[in-house]
Amino acid sequence: MSLTLVKAVDLGQDTRTVTATDIFTSDYDVYWVTINDLTSGYGITNFSFARFLNTSDTEITNSNYDYAYFNATTYTTPFGQDKNTGQDKLTNFTLADANPEAPEYSFYVFNPMSSSQYTFIALDMMHSNTVNQGFYNNGIAVLKETTQVAGMSFTHTFADQIFNGGTLRSYGFG
């Protein structure tokens, strides 16, 4: 098995929604995606939600997303879970923070370009800040439709929040 960089995407500045197009191709069935230095404007830590993009780069907003996450923190309730079915997005998928506390993400995406299988995600996220508070999140998600998926979008939960940088890289397993 080899790992091949498919695409690196600058996630932009001063925008509520960032998109990464053409990060999945028909060349691979399994992808490893990393997000580094995802920062939030105004120095505020906030979650964002994710959606897949179809091959026309349009957000898939049908209520066919299911997810289950396990959360472990050192600064609030120590353990928790977030789970839901029949949603139009993947809630609390990423966490953006101000530098130098920007979190790191990695997740696997399975079958994104298949027109006969669902698209699955297995995710892992780590975040720590300058006062030794930590946050760990792992989980699974599925888009329960056989739409071909070519990209993803990430939107701040609150309308007055913006992203202020970050890099997404997608790698194909082959």
Protein backbone atom coordinates (compact mmCIF):
# COMPACT_ATOMS: atom_id res chain seq x y z
CA MET A 1 0.00 0.00 0.00
CA SER A 2 1.22 3.47 -0.79
CA LEU A 3 0.00 6.89 0.26
CA THR A 4 -0.29 9.51 -2.49
CA LEU A 5 -1.04 13.20 -2.04
CA VAL A 6 -4.16 13.96 -4.08
CA LYS A 7 -4.60 17.62 -3.22
CA ALA A 8 -3.56 20.30 -0.73
CA VAL A 9 -6.05 23.11 -0.13
CA ASP A 10 -5.56 26.46 1.62
CA LEU A 11 -8.75 26.87 3.62
CA GLY A 12 -8.82 30.61 3.15
CA GLN A 13 -9.21 33.65 5.34
CA ASP A 14 -12.05 35.73 6.70
CA THR A 15 -14.91 33.49 5.66
CA ARG A 16 -17.60 31.55 7.54
CA THR A 17 -17.52 28.57 5.16
CA VAL A 18 -14.45 26.98 3.63
CA THR A 19 -14.59 24.40 0.87
CA ALA A 20 -12.17 21.80 -0.40
CA THR A 21 -13.11 20.65 -3.91
CA ASP A 22 -11.74 17.72 -5.92
CA ILE A 23 -10.07 16.14 -2.89
CA PHE A 24 -11.56 12.74 -3.77
CA THR A 25 -11.18 11.10 -7.18
CA SER A 26 -12.15 7.78 -8.71
CA ASP A 27 -8.51 6.64 -8.37
CA TYR A 28 -8.91 5.46 -4.74
CA ASP A 29 -11.55 3.93 -2.47
CA VAL A 30 -9.90 5.05 0.78
CA TYR A 31 -8.56 8.50 1.64
CA TRP A 32 -6.70 9.92 4.60
CA VAL A 33 -7.47 13.61 5.14
CA THR A 34 -5.55 15.95 7.44
CA ILE A 35 -6.40 19.48 8.54
CA ASN A 36 -3.63 21.52 10.11
CA ASP A 37 -3.64 24.96 11.73
CA LEU A 38 -7.39 25.53 11.36
CA THR A 39 -7.74 28.93 12.96
CA SER A 40 -10.72 31.03 13.89
CA GLY A 41 -10.99 34.76 13.51
CA TYR A 42 -11.53 37.00 16.53
CA GLY A 43 -9.55 34.63 18.79
CA ILE A 44 -12.62 32.55 19.64
CA THR A 45 -12.71 28.76 19.84
CA ASN A 46 -15.74 27.33 18.06
CA PHE A 47 -17.01 24.17 16.46
CA SER A 48 -17.99 23.96 12.84
CA PHE A 49 -20.08 21.51 10.91
CA ALA A 50 -19.13 19.60 7.77
CA ARG A 51 -20.92 18.53 4.62
CA PHE A 52 -19.80 16.55 1.63
CA LEU A 53 -19.76 18.13 -1.83
CA ASN A 54 -20.99 16.26 -4.89
CA THR A 55 -19.10 16.18 -8.19
CA SER A 56 -20.69 19.54 -9.12
CA ASP A 57 -19.18 21.05 -5.93
CA THR A 58 -22.63 21.50 -4.39
CA GLU A 59 -23.15 20.77 -0.69
CA ILE A 60 -25.11 17.60 -0.02
CA THR A 61 -27.81 18.85 2.36
CA ASN A 62 -30.20 15.89 2.40
CA SER A 63 -30.97 14.59 5.91
CA ASN A 64 -28.91 11.43 5.39
CA TYR A 65 -25.94 12.05 7.70
CA ASP A 66 -25.52 9.87 10.79
CA TYR A 67 -22.66 10.29 13.26
CA ALA A 68 -21.39 9.24 16.68
CA TYR A 69 -18.46 10.93 18.43
CA PHE A 70 -16.70 10.29 21.73
CA ASN A 71 -15.30 13.40 23.42
CA ALA A 72 -12.70 13.57 26.17
CA THR A 73 -11.64 16.88 27.69
CA THR A 74 -9.53 18.12 30.57
CA TYR A 75 -11.45 21.34 31.17
CA THR A 76 -15.20 20.61 31.19
CA THR A 77 -17.19 17.41 31.59
CA PRO A 78 -14.41 14.81 31.24
CA PHE A 79 -16.23 12.49 28.85
CA GLY A 80 -19.18 12.83 26.57
CA GLN A 81 -20.75 11.70 23.38
CA ASP A 82 -22.47 13.34 20.49
CA LYS A 83 -24.62 11.18 18.27
CA ASN A 84 -27.44 11.73 15.85
CA THR A 85 -29.19 10.26 12.82
CA GLY A 86 -31.00 11.73 9.85
CA GLN A 87 -29.13 15.05 9.93
CA ASP A 88 -28.41 17.50 7.09
CA LYS A 89 -24.79 17.97 8.24
CA LEU A 90 -22.09 16.53 10.49
CA THR A 91 -22.42 18.71 13.61
CA ASN A 92 -19.35 19.56 15.75
CA PHE A 93 -17.03 18.03 13.17
CA THR A 94 -14.12 20.45 13.53
CA LEU A 95 -12.90 22.88 16.16
CA ALA A 96 -11.17 26.10 15.12
CA ASP A 97 -9.08 28.12 17.53
CA ALA A 98 -6.74 31.08 17.51
CA ASN A 99 -3.01 30.56 16.93
CA PRO A 100 -0.91 29.09 18.44
CA GLU A 101 -3.60 26.69 19.64
CA ALA A 102 -4.89 25.55 16.28
CA PRO A 103 -6.02 21.92 16.44
CA GLU A 104 -4.93 19.04 14.26
CA TYR A 105 -7.32 16.62 12.58
CA SER A 106 -7.12 13.44 10.63
CA PHE A 107 -9.89 11.29 9.28
CA TYR A 108 -10.39 8.48 6.82
CA VAL A 109 -13.02 8.63 4.09
CA PHE A 110 -14.22 5.40 2.52
CA ASN A 111 -15.99 5.01 -0.87
CA PRO A 112 -16.46 8.71 -1.67
CA MET A 113 -16.74 8.26 -5.44
CA SER A 114 -18.82 5.10 -5.34
CA SER A 115 -22.26 5.31 -6.89
CA SER A 116 -23.28 2.03 -5.24
CA GLN A 117 -21.96 2.32 -1.64
CA TYR A 118 -22.39 4.78 1.23
CA THR A 119 -19.55 7.15 2.13
CA PHE A 120 -18.10 6.58 5.62
CA ILE A 121 -15.75 8.59 7.85
CA ALA A 122 -13.57 7.47 10.76
CA LEU A 123 -12.21 10.56 12.54
CA ASP A 124 -9.66 11.57 15.14
CA MET A 125 -9.02 15.08 16.48
CA MET A 126 -6.62 16.51 19.05
CA HIS A 127 -6.59 20.03 20.44
CA SER A 128 -4.66 21.63 23.29
CA ASN A 129 -4.17 25.22 24.29
CA THR A 130 -1.61 27.33 26.09
CA VAL A 131 -3.09 26.68 29.55
CA ASN A 132 -2.78 22.88 29.21
CA GLN A 133 -6.41 22.22 28.46
CA GLY A 134 -6.98 19.37 26.05
CA PHE A 135 -9.74 18.04 23.87
CA TYR A 136 -9.84 14.70 22.09
CA ASN A 137 -12.60 13.59 19.75
CA ASN A 138 -12.98 10.39 17.76
CA GLY A 139 -15.92 8.86 16.01
CA ILE A 140 -17.62 7.60 12.91
CA ALA A 141 -20.02 9.10 10.40
CA VAL A 142 -21.88 8.01 7.30
CA LEU A 143 -23.66 9.66 4.39
CA LYS A 144 -26.51 7.24 3.78
CA GLU A 145 -26.89 7.79 0.06
CA THR A 146 -24.93 6.64 -2.95
CA THR A 147 -24.05 10.09 -4.25
CA GLN A 148 -20.52 10.50 -5.60
CA VAL A 149 -18.56 12.74 -3.23
CA ALA A 150 -15.71 14.92 -4.55
CA GLY A 151 -15.11 17.37 -1.67
CA MET A 152 -16.11 18.78 1.70
CA SER A 153 -17.21 22.08 3.22
CA PHE A 154 -16.77 23.31 6.78
CA THR A 155 -18.99 26.07 8.21
CA HIS A 156 -18.73 27.84 11.56
CA THR A 157 -21.71 27.04 13.78
CA PHE A 158 -22.33 30.72 14.52
CA ALA A 159 -22.97 33.17 11.69
CA ASP A 160 -20.68 35.85 13.12
CA GLN A 161 -17.61 33.58 13.26
CA ILE A 162 -14.98 33.21 10.54
CA PHE A 163 -12.12 30.92 9.63
CA ASN A 164 -8.76 32.58 9.41
CA GLY A 165 -6.56 29.95 7.79
CA GLY A 166 -5.64 26.29 7.71
CA THR A 167 -4.54 23.60 5.29
CA LEU A 168 -6.38 20.46 4.23
CA ARG A 169 -4.53 17.61 2.53
CA SER A 170 -6.10 14.51 1.04
CA TYR A 171 -4.10 11.35 0.41
CA GLY A 172 -5.25 8.31 -1.51
CA PHE A 173 -4.42 4.76 -0.40
CA GLY A 174 -3.47 2.58 -3.32
